[in-house]
Amino acid sequence: VQLVESGGGLVQPGGSLRLSCAASGFAFSRYYMRWYRQAPGKERELVATIHSAGTSTNYADSVKGRFTISRDNAKNTVYLQMNSLKPEDTAVYYCYAQGGRWGQGTQVTVSS
């Protein structure tokens, strides 16, 4: 089982990033997927959830209207499109698969 995130980096406030999480080793299309984030000195926070077929999504209030979670079951990949980024979005972003599977994380830094 492997989850590999990519797409993090440094972006200015108001900018956009798209995170990807490539999954392997399990039946990806059967499970819900999530993105979490953890800022320095803070607890890990649930950002967004997408259910197995991709037809149902949920978001933390802090990102609603700015972030979009999506998935491509043919590519075993889940995405997080992040728009209108704010400095408080700075964190390590983790991909999570139902059943307790975690990626290694990707750093997102929002700063001018």
PDB file of N, CA and C in Angstrom:
ATOM      1  N   VAL A   1       0.850  -1.186   0.000  1.00  0.00           N
ATOM      2  CA  VAL A   1       0.000   0.000   0.000  1.00  0.00           C
ATOM      3  C   VAL A   1       0.885   1.235   0.000  1.00  0.00           C
ATOM      4  N   GLN A   2       0.597   2.145  -0.914  1.00  0.00           N
ATOM      5  CA  GLN A   2       1.408   3.350  -0.997  1.00  0.00           C
ATOM      6  C   GLN A   2       0.550   4.526  -1.437  1.00  0.00           C
ATOM      7  N   LEU A   3       0.762   5.657  -0.763  1.00  0.00           N
ATOM      8  CA  LEU A   3       0.151   6.920  -1.149  1.00  0.00           C
ATOM      9  C   LEU A   3       1.285   7.932  -1.308  1.00  0.00           C
ATOM     10  N   VAL A   4       1.370   8.553  -2.470  1.00  0.00           N
ATOM     11  CA  VAL A   4       2.465   9.476  -2.748  1.00  0.00           C
ATOM     12  C   VAL A   4       1.894  10.819  -3.160  1.00  0.00           C
ATOM     13  N   GLU A   5       2.098  11.821  -2.296  1.00  0.00           N
ATOM     14  CA  GLU A   5       1.621  13.166  -2.594  1.00  0.00           C
ATOM     15  C   GLU A   5       2.654  13.934  -3.413  1.00  0.00           C
ATOM     16  N   SER A   6       2.153  14.885  -4.188  1.00  0.00           N
ATOM     17  CA  SER A   6       3.011  15.791  -4.936  1.00  0.00           C
ATOM     18  C   SER A   6       2.255  17.086  -5.172  1.00  0.00           C
ATOM     19  N   GLY A   7       2.987  18.108  -5.595  1.00  0.00           N
ATOM     20  CA  GLY A   7       2.350  19.362  -5.973  1.00  0.00           C
ATOM     21  C   GLY A   7       2.483  20.485  -4.965  1.00  0.00           C
ATOM     22  N   GLY A   8       3.076  20.220  -3.816  1.00  0.00           N
ATOM     23  CA  GLY A   8       3.265  21.281  -2.841  1.00  0.00           C
ATOM     24  C   GLY A   8       4.344  22.253  -3.282  1.00  0.00           C
ATOM     25  N   GLY A   9       4.475  23.338  -2.527  1.00  0.00           N
ATOM     26  CA  GLY A   9       5.498  24.328  -2.843  1.00  0.00           C
ATOM     27  C   GLY A   9       5.216  25.646  -2.169  1.00  0.00           C
ATOM     28  N   LEU A  10       5.911  26.665  -2.642  1.00  0.00           N
ATOM     29  CA  LEU A  10       5.769  28.024  -2.128  1.00  0.00           C
ATOM     30  C   LEU A  10       4.904  28.828  -3.092  1.00  0.00           C
ATOM     31  N   VAL A  11       3.903  29.506  -2.546  1.00  0.00           N
ATOM     32  CA  VAL A  11       3.008  30.303  -3.383  1.00  0.00           C
ATOM     33  C   VAL A  11       2.666  31.585  -2.637  1.00  0.00           C
ATOM     34  N   GLN A  12       2.404  32.641  -3.384  1.00  0.00           N
ATOM     35  CA  GLN A  12       2.028  33.915  -2.764  1.00  0.00           C
ATOM     36  C   GLN A  12       0.564  33.890  -2.336  1.00  0.00           C
ATOM     37  N   PRO A  13       0.220  34.690  -1.350  1.00  0.00           N
ATOM     38  CA  PRO A  13      -1.201  34.796  -0.967  1.00  0.00           C
ATOM     39  C   PRO A  13      -2.066  35.135  -2.176  1.00  0.00           C
ATOM     40  N   GLY A  14      -3.210  34.458  -2.253  1.00  0.00           N
ATOM     41  CA  GLY A  14      -4.099  34.630  -3.393  1.00  0.00           C
ATOM     42  C   GLY A  14      -3.825  33.678  -4.537  1.00  0.00           C
ATOM     43  N   GLY A  15      -2.725  32.967  -4.452  1.00  0.00           N
ATOM     44  CA  GLY A  15      -2.350  32.040  -5.511  1.00  0.00           C
ATOM     45  C   GLY A  15      -3.044  30.698  -5.398  1.00  0.00           C
ATOM     46  N   SER A  16      -2.659  29.782  -6.293  1.00  0.00           N
ATOM     47  CA  SER A  16      -3.276  28.459  -6.369  1.00  0.00           C
ATOM     48  C   SER A  16      -2.214  27.371  -6.435  1.00  0.00           C
ATOM     49  N   LEU A  17      -2.589  26.216  -5.931  1.00  0.00           N
ATOM     50  CA  LEU A  17      -1.785  24.999  -6.070  1.00  0.00           C
ATOM     51  C   LEU A  17      -2.736  23.825  -6.262  1.00  0.00           C
ATOM     52  N   ARG A  18      -2.244  22.800  -6.923  1.00  0.00           N
ATOM     53  CA  ARG A  18      -2.998  21.566  -7.064  1.00  0.00           C
ATOM     54  C   ARG A  18      -2.152  20.419  -6.521  1.00  0.00           C
ATOM     55  N   LEU A  19      -2.652  19.786  -5.490  1.00  0.00           N
ATOM     56  CA  LEU A  19      -1.986  18.624  -4.918  1.00  0.00           C
ATOM     57  C   LEU A  19      -2.530  17.357  -5.556  1.00  0.00           C
ATOM     58  N   SER A  20      -1.653  16.381  -5.712  1.00  0.00           N
ATOM     59  CA  SER A  20      -2.046  15.069  -6.215  1.00  0.00           C
ATOM     60  C   SER A  20      -1.599  14.001  -5.227  1.00  0.00           C
ATOM     61  N   CYS A  21      -2.355  12.913  -5.188  1.00  0.00           N
ATOM     62  CA  CYS A  21      -1.992  11.764  -4.358  1.00  0.00           C
ATOM     63  C   CYS A  21      -2.217  10.511  -5.196  1.00  0.00           C
ATOM     64  N   ALA A  22      -1.122   9.862  -5.545  1.00  0.00           N
ATOM     65  CA  ALA A  22      -1.194   8.637  -6.345  1.00  0.00           C
ATOM     66  C   ALA A  22      -1.204   7.436  -5.414  1.00  0.00           C
ATOM     67  N   ALA A  23      -2.197   6.574  -5.592  1.00  0.00           N
ATOM     68  CA  ALA A  23      -2.378   5.419  -4.720  1.00  0.00           C
ATOM     69  C   ALA A  23      -2.036   4.128  -5.444  1.00  0.00           C
ATOM     70  N   SER A  24      -1.545   3.168  -4.690  1.00  0.00           N
ATOM     71  CA  SER A  24      -1.260   1.856  -5.259  1.00  0.00           C
ATOM     72  C   SER A  24      -1.338   0.812  -4.152  1.00  0.00           C
ATOM     73  N   GLY A  25      -1.593  -0.423  -4.568  1.00  0.00           N
ATOM     74  CA  GLY A  25      -1.567  -1.522  -3.617  1.00  0.00           C
ATOM     75  C   GLY A  25      -2.869  -1.842  -2.921  1.00  0.00           C
ATOM     76  N   PHE A  26      -3.935  -1.141  -3.281  1.00  0.00           N
ATOM     77  CA  PHE A  26      -5.240  -1.460  -2.711  1.00  0.00           C
ATOM     78  C   PHE A  26      -6.320  -1.033  -3.704  1.00  0.00           C
ATOM     79  N   ALA A  27      -7.556  -1.438  -3.416  1.00  0.00           N
ATOM     80  CA  ALA A  27      -8.669  -1.176  -4.335  1.00  0.00           C
ATOM     81  C   ALA A  27      -9.154   0.262  -4.172  1.00  0.00           C
ATOM     82  N   PHE A  28      -8.434   1.175  -4.755  1.00  0.00           N
ATOM     83  CA  PHE A  28      -8.652   2.609  -4.585  1.00  0.00           C
ATOM     84  C   PHE A  28     -10.108   3.019  -4.775  1.00  0.00           C
ATOM     85  N   SER A  29     -10.735   2.510  -5.805  1.00  0.00           N
ATOM     86  CA  SER A  29     -12.083   2.978  -6.157  1.00  0.00           C
ATOM     87  C   SER A  29     -13.144   2.568  -5.147  1.00  0.00           C
ATOM     88  N   ARG A  30     -12.799   1.727  -4.192  1.00  0.00           N
ATOM     89  CA  ARG A  30     -13.780   1.274  -3.208  1.00  0.00           C
ATOM     90  C   ARG A  30     -13.794   2.132  -1.942  1.00  0.00           C
ATOM     91  N   TYR A  31     -12.813   2.996  -1.802  1.00  0.00           N
ATOM     92  CA  TYR A  31     -12.634   3.669  -0.526  1.00  0.00           C
ATOM     93  C   TYR A  31     -12.772   5.182  -0.623  1.00  0.00           C
ATOM     94  N   TYR A  32     -13.261   5.779   0.496  1.00  0.00           N
ATOM     95  CA  TYR A  32     -13.225   7.232   0.520  1.00  0.00           C
ATOM     96  C   TYR A  32     -11.781   7.674   0.745  1.00  0.00           C
ATOM     97  N   MET A  33     -11.497   8.889   0.326  1.00  0.00           N
ATOM     98  CA  MET A  33     -10.169   9.493   0.453  1.00  0.00           C
ATOM     99  C   MET A  33     -10.309  10.845   1.134  1.00  0.00           C
ATOM    100  N   ARG A  34      -9.262  11.222   1.828  1.00  0.00           N
ATOM    101  CA  ARG A  34      -9.263  12.494   2.537  1.00  0.00           C
ATOM    102  C   ARG A  34      -7.935  13.222   2.359  1.00  0.00           C
ATOM    103  N   TRP A  35      -8.002  14.521   2.531  1.00  0.00           N
ATOM    104  CA  TRP A  35      -6.813  15.350   2.712  1.00  0.00           C
ATOM    105  C   TRP A  35      -6.866  15.936   4.116  1.00  0.00           C
ATOM    106  N   TYR A  36      -5.740  15.830   4.796  1.00  0.00           N
ATOM    107  CA  TYR A  36      -5.534  16.444   6.089  1.00  0.00           C
ATOM    108  C   TYR A  36      -4.385  17.444   5.950  1.00  0.00           C
ATOM    109  N   ARG A  37      -4.255  18.306   6.947  1.00  0.00           N
ATOM    110  CA  ARG A  37      -3.087  19.174   7.009  1.00  0.00           C
ATOM    111  C   ARG A  37      -2.672  19.377   8.461  1.00  0.00           C
ATOM    112  N   GLN A  38      -1.390  19.673   8.620  1.00  0.00           N
ATOM    113  CA  GLN A  38      -0.863  19.940   9.953  1.00  0.00           C
ATOM    114  C   GLN A  38       0.120  21.086   9.892  1.00  0.00           C
ATOM    115  N   ALA A  39      -0.225  22.149  10.579  1.00  0.00           N
ATOM    116  CA  ALA A  39       0.652  23.308  10.676  1.00  0.00           C
ATOM    117  C   ALA A  39       1.563  23.148  11.888  1.00  0.00           C
ATOM    118  N   PRO A  40       2.707  23.818  11.898  1.00  0.00           N
ATOM    119  CA  PRO A  40       3.635  23.698  13.031  1.00  0.00           C
ATOM    120  C   PRO A  40       2.955  24.042  14.351  1.00  0.00           C
ATOM    121  N   GLY A  41       3.106  23.160  15.328  1.00  0.00           N
ATOM    122  CA  GLY A  41       2.555  23.403  16.651  1.00  0.00           C
ATOM    123  C   GLY A  41       1.065  23.171  16.769  1.00  0.00           C
ATOM    124  N   LYS A  42       0.444  22.675  15.708  1.00  0.00           N
ATOM    125  CA  LYS A  42      -1.007  22.459  15.728  1.00  0.00           C
ATOM    126  C   LYS A  42      -1.333  20.993  15.471  1.00  0.00           C
ATOM    127  N   GLU A  43      -2.552  20.604  15.822  1.00  0.00           N
ATOM    128  CA  GLU A  43      -3.005  19.249  15.570  1.00  0.00           C
ATOM    129  C   GLU A  43      -3.349  19.068  14.089  1.00  0.00           C
ATOM    130  N   ARG A  44      -3.286  17.822  13.665  1.00  0.00           N
ATOM    131  CA  ARG A  44      -3.663  17.519  12.289  1.00  0.00           C
ATOM    132  C   ARG A  44      -5.149  17.811  12.098  1.00  0.00           C
ATOM    133  N   GLU A  45      -5.487  18.441  10.988  1.00  0.00           N
ATOM    134  CA  GLU A  45      -6.844  18.915  10.714  1.00  0.00           C
ATOM    135  C   GLU A  45      -7.388  18.264   9.443  1.00  0.00           C
ATOM    136  N   LEU A  46      -8.620  17.790   9.503  1.00  0.00           N
ATOM    137  CA  LEU A  46      -9.274  17.258   8.311  1.00  0.00           C
ATOM    138  C   LEU A  46      -9.659  18.412   7.397  1.00  0.00           C
ATOM    139  N   VAL A  47      -9.246  18.336   6.140  1.00  0.00           N
ATOM    140  CA  VAL A  47      -9.507  19.404   5.180  1.00  0.00           C
ATOM    141  C   VAL A  47     -10.687  19.061   4.269  1.00  0.00           C
ATOM    142  N   ALA A  48     -10.655  17.856   3.687  1.00  0.00           N
ATOM    143  CA  ALA A  48     -11.683  17.500   2.716  1.00  0.00           C
ATOM    144  C   ALA A  48     -11.799  15.982   2.597  1.00  0.00           C
ATOM    145  N   THR A  49     -12.998  15.534   2.263  1.00  0.00           N
ATOM    146  CA  THR A  49     -13.299  14.116   2.064  1.00  0.00           C
ATOM    147  C   THR A  49     -14.022  13.939   0.745  1.00  0.00           C
ATOM    148  N   ILE A  50     -13.687  12.871   0.041  1.00  0.00           N
ATOM    149  CA  ILE A  50     -14.442  12.502  -1.161  1.00  0.00           C
ATOM    150  C   ILE A  50     -14.774  11.016  -1.073  1.00  0.00           C
ATOM    151  N   HIS A  51     -16.040  10.689  -1.358  1.00  0.00           N
ATOM    152  CA  HIS A  51     -16.462   9.311  -1.242  1.00  0.00           C
ATOM    153  C   HIS A  51     -16.068   8.530  -2.484  1.00  0.00           C
ATOM    154  N   SER A  52     -16.260   7.225  -2.440  1.00  0.00           N
ATOM    155  CA  SER A  52     -15.604   6.333  -3.402  1.00  0.00           C
ATOM    156  C   SER A  52     -15.930   6.657  -4.851  1.00  0.00           C
ATOM    157  N   ALA A  53     -17.193   6.992  -5.130  1.00  0.00           N
ATOM    158  CA  ALA A  53     -17.579   7.261  -6.511  1.00  0.00           C
ATOM    159  C   ALA A  53     -17.291   8.703  -6.918  1.00  0.00           C
ATOM    160  N   GLY A  54     -16.908   9.517  -5.948  1.00  0.00           N
ATOM    161  CA  GLY A  54     -16.596  10.910  -6.247  1.00  0.00           C
ATOM    162  C   GLY A  54     -17.796  11.822  -6.303  1.00  0.00           C
ATOM    163  N   THR A  55     -18.960  11.319  -5.941  1.00  0.00           N
ATOM    164  CA  THR A  55     -20.181  12.110  -6.056  1.00  0.00           C
ATOM    165  C   THR A  55     -20.522  12.887  -4.794  1.00  0.00           C
ATOM    166  N   SER A  56     -19.818  12.609  -3.704  1.00  0.00           N
ATOM    167  CA  SER A  56     -20.083  13.289  -2.443  1.00  0.00           C
ATOM    168  C   SER A  56     -18.774  13.796  -1.855  1.00  0.00           C
ATOM    169  N   THR A  57     -18.780  15.060  -1.465  1.00  0.00           N
ATOM    170  CA  THR A  57     -17.590  15.679  -0.888  1.00  0.00           C
ATOM    171  C   THR A  57     -17.969  16.484   0.352  1.00  0.00           C
ATOM    172  N   ASN A  58     -17.003  16.663   1.234  1.00  0.00           N
ATOM    173  CA  ASN A  58     -17.182  17.483   2.431  1.00  0.00           C
ATOM    174  C   ASN A  58     -15.914  18.290   2.661  1.00  0.00           C
ATOM    175  N   TYR A  59     -16.093  19.479   3.253  1.00  0.00           N
ATOM    176  CA  TYR A  59     -14.956  20.372   3.462  1.00  0.00           C
ATOM    177  C   TYR A  59     -14.989  20.984   4.861  1.00  0.00           C
ATOM    178  N   ALA A  60     -13.798  21.266   5.366  1.00  0.00           N
ATOM    179  CA  ALA A  60     -13.701  22.063   6.579  1.00  0.00           C
ATOM    180  C   ALA A  60     -14.205  23.470   6.276  1.00  0.00           C
ATOM    181  N   ASP A  61     -14.802  24.098   7.263  1.00  0.00           N
ATOM    182  CA  ASP A  61     -15.330  25.451   7.055  1.00  0.00           C
ATOM    183  C   ASP A  61     -14.226  26.414   6.603  1.00  0.00           C
ATOM    184  N   SER A  62     -13.013  26.176   7.075  1.00  0.00           N
ATOM    185  CA  SER A  62     -11.910  27.093   6.783  1.00  0.00           C
ATOM    186  C   SER A  62     -11.486  27.082   5.313  1.00  0.00           C
ATOM    187  N   VAL A  63     -11.872  26.052   4.567  1.00  0.00           N
ATOM    188  CA  VAL A  63     -11.456  25.970   3.161  1.00  0.00           C
ATOM    189  C   VAL A  63     -12.643  25.949   2.200  1.00  0.00           C
ATOM    190  N   LYS A  64     -13.842  25.904   2.726  1.00  0.00           N
ATOM    191  CA  LYS A  64     -15.035  25.809   1.883  1.00  0.00           C
ATOM    192  C   LYS A  64     -15.100  26.988   0.917  1.00  0.00           C
ATOM    193  N   GLY A  65     -15.353  26.676  -0.355  1.00  0.00           N
ATOM    194  CA  GLY A  65     -15.426  27.710  -1.376  1.00  0.00           C
ATOM    195  C   GLY A  65     -14.090  28.044  -2.015  1.00  0.00           C
ATOM    196  N   ARG A  66     -12.993  27.565  -1.425  1.00  0.00           N
ATOM    197  CA  ARG A  66     -11.657  27.826  -1.970  1.00  0.00           C
ATOM    198  C   ARG A  66     -10.962  26.557  -2.448  1.00  0.00           C
ATOM    199  N   PHE A  67     -11.212  25.451  -1.777  1.00  0.00           N
ATOM    200  CA  PHE A  67     -10.571  24.182  -2.113  1.00  0.00           C
ATOM    201  C   PHE A  67     -11.586  23.243  -2.752  1.00  0.00           C
ATOM    202  N   THR A  68     -11.097  22.402  -3.663  1.00  0.00           N
ATOM    203  CA  THR A  68     -11.936  21.390  -4.290  1.00  0.00           C
ATOM    204  C   THR A  68     -11.206  20.056  -4.307  1.00  0.00           C
ATOM    205  N   ILE A  69     -11.843  19.040  -3.745  1.00  0.00           N
ATOM    206  CA  ILE A  69     -11.282  17.687  -3.785  1.00  0.00           C
ATOM    207  C   ILE A  69     -11.938  16.939  -4.943  1.00  0.00           C
ATOM    208  N   SER A  70     -11.148  16.153  -5.652  1.00  0.00           N
ATOM    209  CA  SER A  70     -11.674  15.349  -6.754  1.00  0.00           C
ATOM    210  C   SER A  70     -10.846  14.072  -6.857  1.00  0.00           C
ATOM    211  N   ARG A  71     -11.315  13.153  -7.662  1.00  0.00           N
ATOM    212  CA  ARG A  71     -10.593  11.897  -7.836  1.00  0.00           C
ATOM    213  C   ARG A  71     -10.776  11.371  -9.242  1.00  0.00           C
ATOM    214  N   ASP A  72      -9.799  10.589  -9.668  1.00  0.00           N
ATOM    215  CA  ASP A  72      -9.858   9.888 -10.940  1.00  0.00           C
ATOM    216  C   ASP A  72      -9.607   8.418 -10.627  1.00  0.00           C
ATOM    217  N   ASN A  73     -10.669   7.644 -10.565  1.00  0.00           N
ATOM    218  CA  ASN A  73     -10.522   6.246 -10.180  1.00  0.00           C
ATOM    219  C   ASN A  73      -9.784   5.425 -11.238  1.00  0.00           C
ATOM    220  N   ALA A  74      -9.783   5.880 -12.461  1.00  0.00           N
ATOM    221  CA  ALA A  74      -9.037   5.180 -13.512  1.00  0.00           C
ATOM    222  C   ALA A  74      -7.531   5.362 -13.327  1.00  0.00           C
ATOM    223  N   LYS A  75      -7.146   6.466 -12.678  1.00  0.00           N
ATOM    224  CA  LYS A  75      -5.727   6.747 -12.448  1.00  0.00           C
ATOM    225  C   LYS A  75      -5.310   6.512 -10.997  1.00  0.00           C
ATOM    226  N   ASN A  76      -6.263   6.060 -10.174  1.00  0.00           N
ATOM    227  CA  ASN A  76      -5.966   5.836  -8.748  1.00  0.00           C
ATOM    228  C   ASN A  76      -5.352   7.076  -8.095  1.00  0.00           C
ATOM    229  N   THR A  77      -5.945   8.211  -8.391  1.00  0.00           N
ATOM    230  CA  THR A  77      -5.380   9.473  -7.920  1.00  0.00           C
ATOM    231  C   THR A  77      -6.475  10.370  -7.353  1.00  0.00           C
ATOM    232  N   VAL A  78      -6.145  11.034  -6.256  1.00  0.00           N
ATOM    233  CA  VAL A  78      -7.033  12.035  -5.675  1.00  0.00           C
ATOM    234  C   VAL A  78      -6.302  13.377  -5.722  1.00  0.00           C
ATOM    235  N   TYR A  79      -7.076  14.436  -5.899  1.00  0.00           N
ATOM    236  CA  TYR A  79      -6.515  15.778  -6.076  1.00  0.00           C
ATOM    237  C   TYR A  79      -7.096  16.734  -5.036  1.00  0.00           C
ATOM    238  N   LEU A  80      -6.357  17.785  -4.785  1.00  0.00           N
ATOM    239  CA  LEU A  80      -6.862  18.899  -3.993  1.00  0.00           C
ATOM    240  C   LEU A  80      -6.467  20.183  -4.706  1.00  0.00           C
ATOM    241  N   GLN A  81      -7.456  20.821  -5.319  1.00  0.00           N
ATOM    242  CA  GLN A  81      -7.243  22.118  -5.965  1.00  0.00           C
ATOM    243  C   GLN A  81      -7.430  23.193  -4.911  1.00  0.00           C
ATOM    244  N   MET A  82      -6.414  24.001  -4.706  1.00  0.00           N
ATOM    245  CA  MET A  82      -6.442  25.031  -3.666  1.00  0.00           C
ATOM    246  C   MET A  82      -6.313  26.402  -4.322  1.00  0.00           C
ATOM    247  N   ASN A  83      -7.350  27.207  -4.191  1.00  0.00           N
ATOM    248  CA  ASN A  83      -7.372  28.552  -4.755  1.00  0.00           C
ATOM    249  C   ASN A  83      -7.456  29.590  -3.638  1.00  0.00           C
ATOM    250  N   SER A  84      -7.157  30.823  -3.979  1.00  0.00           N
ATOM    251  CA  SER A  84      -7.232  31.931  -3.016  1.00  0.00           C
ATOM    252  C   SER A  84      -6.505  31.574  -1.720  1.00  0.00           C
ATOM    253  N   LEU A  85      -5.306  31.096  -1.865  1.00  0.00           N
ATOM    254  CA  LEU A  85      -4.550  30.618  -0.709  1.00  0.00           C
ATOM    255  C   LEU A  85      -4.202  31.753   0.240  1.00  0.00           C
ATOM    256  N   LYS A  86      -4.215  31.423   1.522  1.00  0.00           N
ATOM    257  CA  LYS A  86      -3.919  32.370   2.586  1.00  0.00           C
ATOM    258  C   LYS A  86      -2.705  31.886   3.382  1.00  0.00           C
ATOM    259  N   PRO A  87      -2.017  32.786   4.059  1.00  0.00           N
ATOM    260  CA  PRO A  87      -0.880  32.343   4.882  1.00  0.00           C
ATOM    261  C   PRO A  87      -1.264  31.263   5.900  1.00  0.00           C
ATOM    262  N   GLU A  88      -2.485  31.310   6.389  1.00  0.00           N
ATOM    263  CA  GLU A  88      -2.915  30.312   7.374  1.00  0.00           C
ATOM    264  C   GLU A  88      -3.158  28.932   6.761  1.00  0.00           C
ATOM    265  N   ASP A  89      -3.067  28.829   5.445  1.00  0.00           N
ATOM    266  CA  ASP A  89      -3.136  27.512   4.794  1.00  0.00           C
ATOM    267  C   ASP A  89      -1.787  26.803   4.806  1.00  0.00           C
ATOM    268  N   THR A  90      -0.741  27.489   5.249  1.00  0.00           N
ATOM    269  CA  THR A  90       0.580  26.889   5.312  1.00  0.00           C
ATOM    270  C   THR A  90       0.582  25.686   6.246  1.00  0.00           C
ATOM    271  N   ALA A  91       1.020  24.544   5.722  1.00  0.00           N
ATOM    272  CA  ALA A  91       0.994  23.297   6.491  1.00  0.00           C
ATOM    273  C   ALA A  91       1.608  22.187   5.645  1.00  0.00           C
ATOM    274  N   VAL A  92       1.824  21.056   6.284  1.00  0.00           N
ATOM    275  CA  VAL A  92       2.105  19.829   5.543  1.00  0.00           C
ATOM    276  C   VAL A  92       0.753  19.174   5.260  1.00  0.00           C
ATOM    277  N   TYR A  93       0.522  18.851   4.002  1.00  0.00           N
ATOM    278  CA  TYR A  93      -0.739  18.261   3.570  1.00  0.00           C
ATOM    279  C   TYR A  93      -0.543  16.762   3.349  1.00  0.00           C
ATOM    280  N   TYR A  94      -1.455  15.989   3.948  1.00  0.00           N
ATOM    281  CA  TYR A  94      -1.374  14.536   3.906  1.00  0.00           C
ATOM    282  C   TYR A  94      -2.587  13.946   3.205  1.00  0.00           C
ATOM    283  N   CYS A  95      -2.329  12.959   2.414  1.00  0.00           N
ATOM    284  CA  CYS A  95      -3.367  12.155   1.789  1.00  0.00           C
ATOM    285  C   CYS A  95      -3.687  10.980   2.720  1.00  0.00           C
ATOM    286  N   TYR A  96      -4.976  10.652   2.820  1.00  0.00           N
ATOM    287  CA  TYR A  96      -5.415   9.559   3.693  1.00  0.00           C
ATOM    288  C   TYR A  96      -6.430   8.713   2.948  1.00  0.00           C
ATOM    289  N   ALA A  97      -6.277   7.391   3.073  1.00  0.00           N
ATOM    290  CA  ALA A  97      -7.241   6.465   2.494  1.00  0.00           C
ATOM    291  C   ALA A  97      -7.972   5.722   3.605  1.00  0.00           C
ATOM    292  N   GLN A  98      -9.256   5.543   3.438  1.00  0.00           N
ATOM    293  CA  GLN A  98     -10.086   4.788   4.381  1.00  0.00           C
ATOM    294  C   GLN A  98      -9.393   3.498   4.769  1.00  0.00           C
ATOM    295  N   GLY A  99      -9.319   3.243   6.080  1.00  0.00           N
ATOM    296  CA  GLY A  99      -8.633   2.061   6.565  1.00  0.00           C
ATOM    297  C   GLY A  99      -7.315   2.371   7.236  1.00  0.00           C
ATOM    298  N   GLY A 100      -6.958   3.659   7.283  1.00  0.00           N
ATOM    299  CA  GLY A 100      -5.777   4.049   8.035  1.00  0.00           C
ATOM    300  C   GLY A 100      -4.496   4.190   7.246  1.00  0.00           C
ATOM    301  N   ARG A 101      -4.609   4.426   5.953  1.00  0.00           N
ATOM    302  CA  ARG A 101      -3.413   4.554   5.113  1.00  0.00           C
ATOM    303  C   ARG A 101      -3.067   6.023   4.937  1.00  0.00           C
ATOM    304  N   TRP A 102      -1.809   6.372   5.147  1.00  0.00           N
ATOM    305  CA  TRP A 102      -1.344   7.754   5.052  1.00  0.00           C
ATOM    306  C   TRP A 102      -0.214   7.903   4.050  1.00  0.00           C
ATOM    307  N   GLY A 103      -0.170   9.055   3.396  1.00  0.00           N
ATOM    308  CA  GLY A 103       0.981   9.417   2.604  1.00  0.00           C
ATOM    309  C   GLY A 103       2.039  10.065   3.469  1.00  0.00           C
ATOM    310  N   GLN A 104       3.139  10.465   2.825  1.00  0.00           N
ATOM    311  CA  GLN A 104       4.270  11.025   3.567  1.00  0.00           C
ATOM    312  C   GLN A 104       4.134  12.532   3.774  1.00  0.00           C
ATOM    313  N   GLY A 105       3.226  13.142   3.054  1.00  0.00           N
ATOM    314  CA  GLY A 105       2.977  14.573   3.198  1.00  0.00           C
ATOM    315  C   GLY A 105       3.728  15.410   2.180  1.00  0.00           C
ATOM    316  N   THR A 106       3.155  16.567   1.878  1.00  0.00           N
ATOM    317  CA  THR A 106       3.805  17.534   0.996  1.00  0.00           C
ATOM    318  C   THR A 106       3.623  18.923   1.605  1.00  0.00           C
ATOM    319  N   GLN A 107       4.692  19.708   1.600  1.00  0.00           N
ATOM    320  CA  GLN A 107       4.682  21.014   2.257  1.00  0.00           C
ATOM    321  C   GLN A 107       4.042  22.056   1.346  1.00  0.00           C
ATOM    322  N   VAL A 108       3.132  22.816   1.912  1.00  0.00           N
ATOM    323  CA  VAL A 108       2.546  23.974   1.237  1.00  0.00           C
ATOM    324  C   VAL A 108       2.863  25.201   2.083  1.00  0.00           C
ATOM    325  N   THR A 109       3.511  26.172   1.469  1.00  0.00           N
ATOM    326  CA  THR A 109       3.855  27.409   2.162  1.00  0.00           C
ATOM    327  C   THR A 109       3.263  28.583   1.392  1.00  0.00           C
ATOM    328  N   VAL A 110       2.454  29.379   2.089  1.00  0.00           N
ATOM    329  CA  VAL A 110       1.826  30.542   1.477  1.00  0.00           C
ATOM    330  C   VAL A 110       2.447  31.777   2.120  1.00  0.00           C
ATOM    331  N   SER A 111       3.218  32.499   1.327  1.00  0.00           N
ATOM    332  CA  SER A 111       3.959  33.636   1.869  1.00  0.00           C
ATOM    333  C   SER A 111       4.370  34.569   0.748  1.00  0.00           C
ATOM    334  N   SER A 112       4.419  35.850   1.075  1.00  0.00           N
ATOM    335  CA  SER A 112       4.899  36.827   0.102  1.00  0.00           C
ATOM    336  C   SER A 112       6.397  37.073   0.286  1.00  0.00           C
TER     337      SER A 112
END
